[in-house]
C-alpha atoms as a PDB file:
ATOM      1  CA  MET A   1       6.060 -21.457  -5.389  1.00  0.00           C
ATOM      2  CA  THR A   2       8.680 -19.185  -6.956  1.00  0.00           C
ATOM      3  CA  GLU A   3      11.961 -18.339  -5.120  1.00  0.00           C
ATOM      4  CA  ALA A   4      11.028 -14.721  -5.688  1.00  0.00           C
ATOM      5  CA  GLU A   5       7.545 -15.168  -3.884  1.00  0.00           C
ATOM      6  CA  GLU A   6       9.654 -16.996  -1.088  1.00  0.00           C
ATOM      7  CA  ARG A   7      11.280 -13.952  -0.736  1.00  0.00           C
ATOM      8  CA  TYR A   8       9.134 -11.279  -1.115  1.00  0.00           C
ATOM      9  CA  TYR A   9       5.453 -12.403  -0.416  1.00  0.00           C
ATOM     10  CA  SER A  10       3.461 -15.372  -1.354  1.00  0.00           C
ATOM     11  CA  PRO A  11      -0.174 -16.360  -2.314  1.00  0.00           C
ATOM     12  CA  GLU A  12      -0.219 -18.530   1.010  1.00  0.00           C
ATOM     13  CA  ARG A  13       0.553 -15.754   3.370  1.00  0.00           C
ATOM     14  CA  TRP A  14      -2.051 -13.521   1.712  1.00  0.00           C
ATOM     15  CA  GLN A  15      -4.576 -16.572   2.189  1.00  0.00           C
ATOM     16  CA  ASN A  16      -3.205 -16.744   5.835  1.00  0.00           C
ATOM     17  CA  TRP A  17      -4.741 -13.069   6.214  1.00  0.00           C
ATOM     18  CA  LEU A  18      -7.830 -13.825   4.326  1.00  0.00           C
ATOM     19  CA  THR A  19      -8.700 -16.851   6.135  1.00  0.00           C
ATOM     20  CA  ARG A  20      -7.955 -14.771   9.461  1.00  0.00           C
ATOM     21  CA  VAL A  21     -10.254 -12.069   8.313  1.00  0.00           C
ATOM     22  CA  GLU A  22     -13.174 -14.278   7.785  1.00  0.00           C
ATOM     23  CA  GLU A  23     -12.710 -16.159  10.941  1.00  0.00           C
ATOM     24  CA  GLU A  24     -12.743 -12.909  13.063  1.00  0.00           C
ATOM     25  CA  ASP A  25     -15.857 -11.299  14.337  1.00  0.00           C
ATOM     26  CA  LEU A  26     -15.358  -8.263  12.593  1.00  0.00           C
ATOM     27  CA  ASP A  27     -16.475  -4.729  13.560  1.00  0.00           C
ATOM     28  CA  LEU A  28     -15.356  -2.044  11.301  1.00  0.00           C
ATOM     29  CA  GLU A  29     -15.631   0.645  13.865  1.00  0.00           C
ATOM     30  CA  SER A  30     -13.454  -1.122  16.474  1.00  0.00           C
ATOM     31  CA  GLU A  31      -9.964  -0.681  17.497  1.00  0.00           C
ATOM     32  CA  GLU A  32      -9.103  -4.558  17.201  1.00  0.00           C
ATOM     33  CA  THR A  33     -10.537  -4.691  13.627  1.00  0.00           C
ATOM     34  CA  GLY A  34      -8.468  -1.415  12.580  1.00  0.00           C
ATOM     35  CA  ARG A  35      -5.260  -2.937  14.320  1.00  0.00           C
ATOM     36  CA  LEU A  36      -6.048  -6.524  12.041  1.00  0.00           C
ATOM     37  CA  LEU A  37      -6.490  -3.968   8.738  1.00  0.00           C
ATOM     38  CA  MET A  38      -3.593  -2.047   9.880  1.00  0.00           C
ATOM     39  CA  ASN A  39      -1.164  -5.344  10.185  1.00  0.00           C
ATOM     40  CA  ILE A  40      -2.575  -6.848   6.774  1.00  0.00           C
ATOM     41  CA  GLN A  41      -1.396  -3.669   5.354  1.00  0.00           C
ATOM     42  CA  ASN A  42       1.600  -3.058   6.775  1.00  0.00           C
ATOM     43  CA  ASP A  43       2.927  -6.458   5.865  1.00  0.00           C
ATOM     44  CA  ALA A  44       2.002  -6.205   2.348  1.00  0.00           C
ATOM     45  CA  ALA A  45       3.760  -2.874   2.042  1.00  0.00           C
ATOM     46  CA  ILE A  46       6.817  -4.312   3.970  1.00  0.00           C
ATOM     47  CA  ALA A  47       7.041  -6.887   0.606  1.00  0.00           C
ATOM     48  CA  ILE A  48       6.776  -3.799  -1.584  1.00  0.00           C
ATOM     49  CA  ALA A  49       9.481  -2.445   0.460  1.00  0.00           C
ATOM     50  CA  LYS A  50      11.852  -4.893   0.634  1.00  0.00           C
ATOM     51  CA  ILE A  51      11.622  -5.215  -3.473  1.00  0.00           C
ATOM     52  CA  LEU A  52      12.565  -1.432  -3.480  1.00  0.00           C
ATOM     53  CA  THR A  53      15.102  -2.235  -1.062  1.00  0.00           C
ATOM     54  CA  ALA A  54      16.678  -4.676  -3.386  1.00  0.00           C
ATOM     55  CA  TYR A  55      16.343  -2.171  -6.288  1.00  0.00           C
ATOM     56  CA  ASP A  56      18.131   0.278  -4.457  1.00  0.00           C
ATOM     57  CA  ASP A  57      21.180  -2.406  -3.666  1.00  0.00           C
ATOM     58  CA  ASP A  58      21.366  -3.306  -6.989  1.00  0.00           C
ATOM     59  CA  THR A  59      20.276  -6.890  -6.008  1.00  0.00           C
ATOM     60  CA  LEU A  60      17.596  -6.714  -8.599  1.00  0.00           C
ATOM     61  CA  GLY A  61      17.566  -5.048 -11.776  1.00  0.00           C
ATOM     62  CA  GLU A  62      14.704  -2.535 -13.347  1.00  0.00           C
ATOM     63  CA  GLU A  63      13.221  -5.200 -15.118  1.00  0.00           C
ATOM     64  CA  GLU A  64      13.199  -7.855 -12.237  1.00  0.00           C
ATOM     65  CA  ALA A  65      12.071  -5.551  -9.752  1.00  0.00           C
ATOM     66  CA  LEU A  66       8.965  -4.643 -12.081  1.00  0.00           C
ATOM     67  CA  ASP A  67       8.441  -8.190 -12.178  1.00  0.00           C
ATOM     68  CA  GLU A  68       8.340  -8.937  -8.585  1.00  0.00           C
ATOM     69  CA  LEU A  69       6.267  -5.781  -7.897  1.00  0.00           C
ATOM     70  CA  SER A  70       3.727  -7.210 -10.267  1.00  0.00           C
ATOM     71  CA  THR A  71       3.727 -10.602  -8.635  1.00  0.00           C
ATOM     72  CA  VAL A  72       3.235  -9.160  -5.132  1.00  0.00           C
ATOM     73  CA  HIS A  73       0.251  -6.827  -6.821  1.00  0.00           C
ATOM     74  CA  ASP A  74      -1.388  -9.710  -8.034  1.00  0.00           C
ATOM     75  CA  ILE A  75      -1.597 -11.582  -5.062  1.00  0.00           C
ATOM     76  CA  VAL A  76      -2.457  -8.562  -3.052  1.00  0.00           C
ATOM     77  CA  MET A  77      -4.865  -7.374  -5.455  1.00  0.00           C
ATOM     78  CA  ALA A  78      -6.765 -10.515  -6.622  1.00  0.00           C
ATOM     79  CA  GLU A  79     -10.457 -10.538  -5.500  1.00  0.00           C
ATOM     80  CA  PRO A  80     -10.547 -12.194  -2.277  1.00  0.00           C
ATOM     81  CA  GLU A  81     -12.826 -15.510  -1.901  1.00  0.00           C
ATOM     82  CA  PHE A  82     -14.554 -16.216   1.170  1.00  0.00           C
ATOM     83  CA  GLU A  83     -16.326 -19.559   1.935  1.00  0.00           C
ATOM     84  CA  SER A  84     -19.108 -17.295   2.690  1.00  0.00           C
ATOM     85  CA  GLU A  85     -20.777 -14.157   1.982  1.00  0.00           C
ATOM     86  CA  ASN A  86     -18.903 -11.693   4.673  1.00  0.00           C
ATOM     87  CA  GLU A  87     -19.455  -7.877   3.695  1.00  0.00           C
ATOM     88  CA  GLU A  88     -17.558  -6.811   6.585  1.00  0.00           C
ATOM     89  CA  ALA A  89     -14.432  -8.854   5.471  1.00  0.00           C
ATOM     90  CA  GLU A  90     -14.773  -7.762   1.634  1.00  0.00           C
ATOM     91  CA  ILE A  91     -15.052  -4.127   2.986  1.00  0.00           C
ATOM     92  CA  LEU A  92     -11.835  -4.319   5.190  1.00  0.00           C
ATOM     93  CA  VAL A  93     -10.018  -6.455   2.461  1.00  0.00           C
ATOM     94  CA  GLY A  94     -11.105  -3.871   0.023  1.00  0.00           C
ATOM     95  CA  SER A  95      -9.887  -1.196   1.902  1.00  0.00           C
ATOM     96  CA  VAL A  96      -6.437  -2.744   2.428  1.00  0.00           C
ATOM     97  CA  GLN A  97      -6.405  -3.041  -1.330  1.00  0.00           C
ATOM     98  CA  THR A  98      -7.366   0.492  -2.151  1.00  0.00           C
ATOM     99  CA  SER A  99      -4.637   1.926   0.384  1.00  0.00           C
ATOM    100  CA  LEU A 100      -1.971  -0.462  -1.163  1.00  0.00           C
ATOM    101  CA  SER A 101      -2.908   0.457  -4.577  1.00  0.00           C
ATOM    102  CA  CYS A 102      -1.075   3.973  -4.657  1.00  0.00           C
ATOM    103  CA  ALA A 103       1.978   2.365  -3.089  1.00  0.00           C
ATOM    104  CA  PHE A 104       2.263  -0.195  -6.040  1.00  0.00           C
ATOM    105  CA  PHE A 105       2.014   2.701  -8.548  1.00  0.00           C
ATOM    106  CA  ALA A 106       4.375   4.786  -6.563  1.00  0.00           C
ATOM    107  CA  ALA A 107       6.956   1.990  -6.309  1.00  0.00           C
ATOM    108  CA  GLU A 108       6.752   1.319 -10.040  1.00  0.00           C
ATOM    109  CA  GLU A 109       6.869   5.150 -11.021  1.00  0.00           C
ATOM    110  CA  PHE A 110       9.961   5.312  -8.829  1.00  0.00           C
ATOM    111  CA  ILE A 111      11.764   2.281 -10.520  1.00  0.00           C
ATOM    112  CA  VAL A 112      11.097   3.536 -13.724  1.00  0.00           C
ATOM    113  CA  ALA A 113      11.642   7.122 -13.549  1.00  0.00           C
ATOM    114  CA  GLY A 114      13.070   7.725  -9.738  1.00  0.00           C
ATOM    115  CA  PRO A 115      11.618  10.526  -7.564  1.00  0.00           C
ATOM    116  CA  ALA A 116       9.197  13.190  -8.819  1.00  0.00           C
ATOM    117  CA  GLU A 117      10.043  16.745  -8.792  1.00  0.00           C
ATOM    118  CA  LEU A 118       7.717  18.541  -6.694  1.00  0.00           C
ATOM    119  CA  GLU A 119       7.649  22.396  -7.126  1.00  0.00           C
ATOM    120  CA  ASP A 120       5.950  22.972  -3.658  1.00  0.00           C
ATOM    121  CA  GLY A 121       5.783  20.209  -0.695  1.00  0.00           C
ATOM    122  CA  MET A 122       3.952  16.845  -0.138  1.00  0.00           C
ATOM    123  CA  ASP A 123       1.366  18.623   1.632  1.00  0.00           C
ATOM    124  CA  ALA A 124       0.661  20.880  -1.124  1.00  0.00           C
ATOM    125  CA  TYR A 125       0.111  17.762  -3.543  1.00  0.00           C
ATOM    126  CA  ILE A 126      -1.980  15.885  -1.352  1.00  0.00           C
ATOM    127  CA  ARG A 127      -4.450  18.757  -0.969  1.00  0.00           C
ATOM    128  CA  ALA A 128      -4.218  18.996  -4.554  1.00  0.00           C
ATOM    129  CA  ALA A 129      -4.916  15.607  -5.134  1.00  0.00           C
ATOM    130  CA  ALA A 130      -8.032  15.989  -2.375  1.00  0.00           C
ATOM    131  CA  ASP A 131      -9.284  18.885  -4.749  1.00  0.00           C
ATOM    132  CA  ALA A 132      -9.374  16.562  -7.648  1.00  0.00           C
ATOM    133  CA  GLU A 133     -10.874  13.971  -6.073  1.00  0.00           C
ATOM    134  CA  ALA A 134     -13.460  16.091  -5.274  1.00  0.00           C
ATOM    135  CA  ALA A 135     -13.804  17.601  -8.805  1.00  0.00           C
ATOM    136  CA  ASP A 136     -14.275  13.575  -9.552  1.00  0.00           C
ATOM    137  CA  ASP A 137     -10.938  13.962 -11.438  1.00  0.00           C
ATOM    138  CA  LEU A 138      -9.364  10.655 -10.099  1.00  0.00           C
ATOM    139  CA  ASP A 139      -6.631  10.110 -12.478  1.00  0.00           C
ATOM    140  CA  SER A 140      -4.964  13.621 -11.738  1.00  0.00           C
ATOM    141  CA  ALA A 141      -6.132  12.736  -7.991  1.00  0.00           C
ATOM    142  CA  LEU A 142      -3.995   9.547  -8.354  1.00  0.00           C
ATOM    143  CA  GLY A 143      -1.186  11.331 -10.440  1.00  0.00           C
ATOM    144  CA  TYR A 144      -0.452  13.628  -7.121  1.00  0.00           C
ATOM    145  CA  ILE A 145      -0.299  10.681  -4.931  1.00  0.00           C
ATOM    146  CA  VAL A 146       1.987   8.974  -7.046  1.00  0.00           C
ATOM    147  CA  ARG A 147       4.508  11.556  -7.460  1.00  0.00           C
ATOM    148  CA  VAL A 148       4.174  12.037  -3.218  1.00  0.00           C
ATOM    149  CA  GLY A 149       5.052   8.261  -3.215  1.00  0.00           C
ATOM    150  CA  THR A 150       7.900   8.522  -5.433  1.00  0.00           C
ATOM    151  CA  ARG A 151       9.310  11.135  -3.008  1.00  0.00           C
ATOM    152  CA  VAL A 152       8.712   9.328   0.225  1.00  0.00           C
ATOM    153  CA  ILE A 153      10.637   6.106  -1.555  1.00  0.00           C
ATOM    154  CA  ASP A 154      13.319   8.441  -2.121  1.00  0.00           C
ATOM    155  CA  GLY A 155      13.374   9.101   1.785  1.00  0.00           C
ATOM    156  CA  GLU A 156      11.575  12.249   2.232  1.00  0.00           C
ATOM    157  CA  GLU A 157       9.372  12.316   5.361  1.00  0.00           C
ATOM    158  CA  LEU A 158       5.623  11.910   4.972  1.00  0.00           C
ATOM    159  CA  ASP A 159       3.480  13.927   7.738  1.00  0.00           C
ATOM    160  CA  ILE A 160       0.064  12.570   7.550  1.00  0.00           C
ATOM    161  CA  GLU A 161      -1.293  14.835  10.115  1.00  0.00           C
ATOM    162  CA  VAL A 162      -2.541  16.436   6.422  1.00  0.00           C
ATOM    163  CA  LEU A 163      -5.111  13.993   6.401  1.00  0.00           C
ATOM    164  CA  ASP A 164      -6.661  15.476   9.142  1.00  0.00           C
ATOM    165  CA  GLU A 165      -8.024  18.406   7.401  1.00  0.00           C
ATOM    166  CA  LEU A 166      -9.074  16.383   4.562  1.00  0.00           C
ATOM    167  CA  GLU A 167     -12.362  14.652   4.099  1.00  0.00           C
ATOM    168  CA  PHE A 168     -12.181  10.876   4.137  1.00  0.00           C
ATOM    169  CA  GLY A 169     -11.926   9.426   0.569  1.00  0.00           C
ATOM    170  CA  LEU A 170      -9.792   7.508  -2.005  1.00  0.00           C
ATOM    171  CA  VAL A 171      -6.651  10.562  -1.485  1.00  0.00           C
ATOM    172  CA  THR A 172      -6.953   9.606   2.102  1.00  0.00           C
ATOM    173  CA  GLU A 173      -6.753   5.898   1.865  1.00  0.00           C
ATOM    174  CA  TRP A 174      -4.086   6.109  -0.761  1.00  0.00           C
ATOM    175  CA  VAL A 175      -1.901   8.262   1.725  1.00  0.00           C
ATOM    176  CA  ASN A 176      -2.628   5.914   4.082  1.00  0.00           C
ATOM    177  CA  GLY A 177      -0.872   3.019   2.092  1.00  0.00           C
ATOM    178  CA  LEU A 178       2.060   5.199   1.671  1.00  0.00           C
ATOM    179  CA  ASP A 179       2.546   5.657   5.110  1.00  0.00           C
ATOM    180  CA  SER A 180       2.644   1.968   5.412  1.00  0.00           C
ATOM    181  CA  LEU A 181       5.135   1.682   2.903  1.00  0.00           C
ATOM    182  CA  GLN A 182       7.078   4.462   4.721  1.00  0.00           C
ATOM    183  CA  SER A 183       7.034   2.708   7.886  1.00  0.00           C
ATOM    184  CA  GLY A 184       8.138  -0.741   5.634  1.00  0.00           C
ATOM    185  CA  LEU A 185      11.401   1.143   4.215  1.00  0.00           C
ATOM    186  CA  SER A 186      12.240   2.449   7.571  1.00  0.00           C
ATOM    187  CA  GLU A 187      11.401  -1.046   9.728  1.00  0.00           C
ATOM    188  CA  PRO A 188      11.040  -3.873   7.445  1.00  0.00           C
ATOM    189  CA  GLU A 189       9.769  -6.217  10.278  1.00  0.00           C
ATOM    190  CA  VAL A 190       7.659  -8.808   9.145  1.00  0.00           C
ATOM    191  CA  VAL A 191       4.496  -8.587  10.901  1.00  0.00           C
ATOM    192  CA  GLU A 192       3.038 -11.560  12.671  1.00  0.00           C
ATOM    193  CA  GLU A 193       0.488 -13.307  10.947  1.00  0.00           C
ATOM    194  CA  GLU A 194      -0.621 -14.512  14.362  1.00  0.00           C
ATOM    195  CA  ASP A 195      -1.080 -12.788  17.763  1.00  0.00           C
END
């Protein structure tokens, strides 16, 4: 394991979460399973936040920060391997990966280009992304949410109440991932892997 993996995230840490998911009696409608999903998501988002903070503090240069992001991305986004077929586990981990995908893109964009200029507030961009998703224009939808994400990384407050008026879909999952990233940036406490 490299020093960077120890510092930010490790394959072993991700595997511990996957093992826990596999061992749990999952009910995708239950509060307990929802809490586990959020813990996994927040834990990985904290790793992204730590890289962004190190970049902001000049501890990491641009290339190093992008490399670290890529390392964490490869760990978290790898196809999960479970010992037996487990549809609920696959759905749960897939949901975490979907939510975090936009957080990774936003972090990369922030490092490369800084915060995006938004003509309107973040809510307007989230609604525009939802409209684009409804029209099957997922590239545009992702672009809107990545721009919102760069603003979140820059310290602008994301109010996820806007999601209450949107249909559940990719946009709501991406915004949910940005909310985890926002939490990680404000409170970079490690999520305990075990209760």
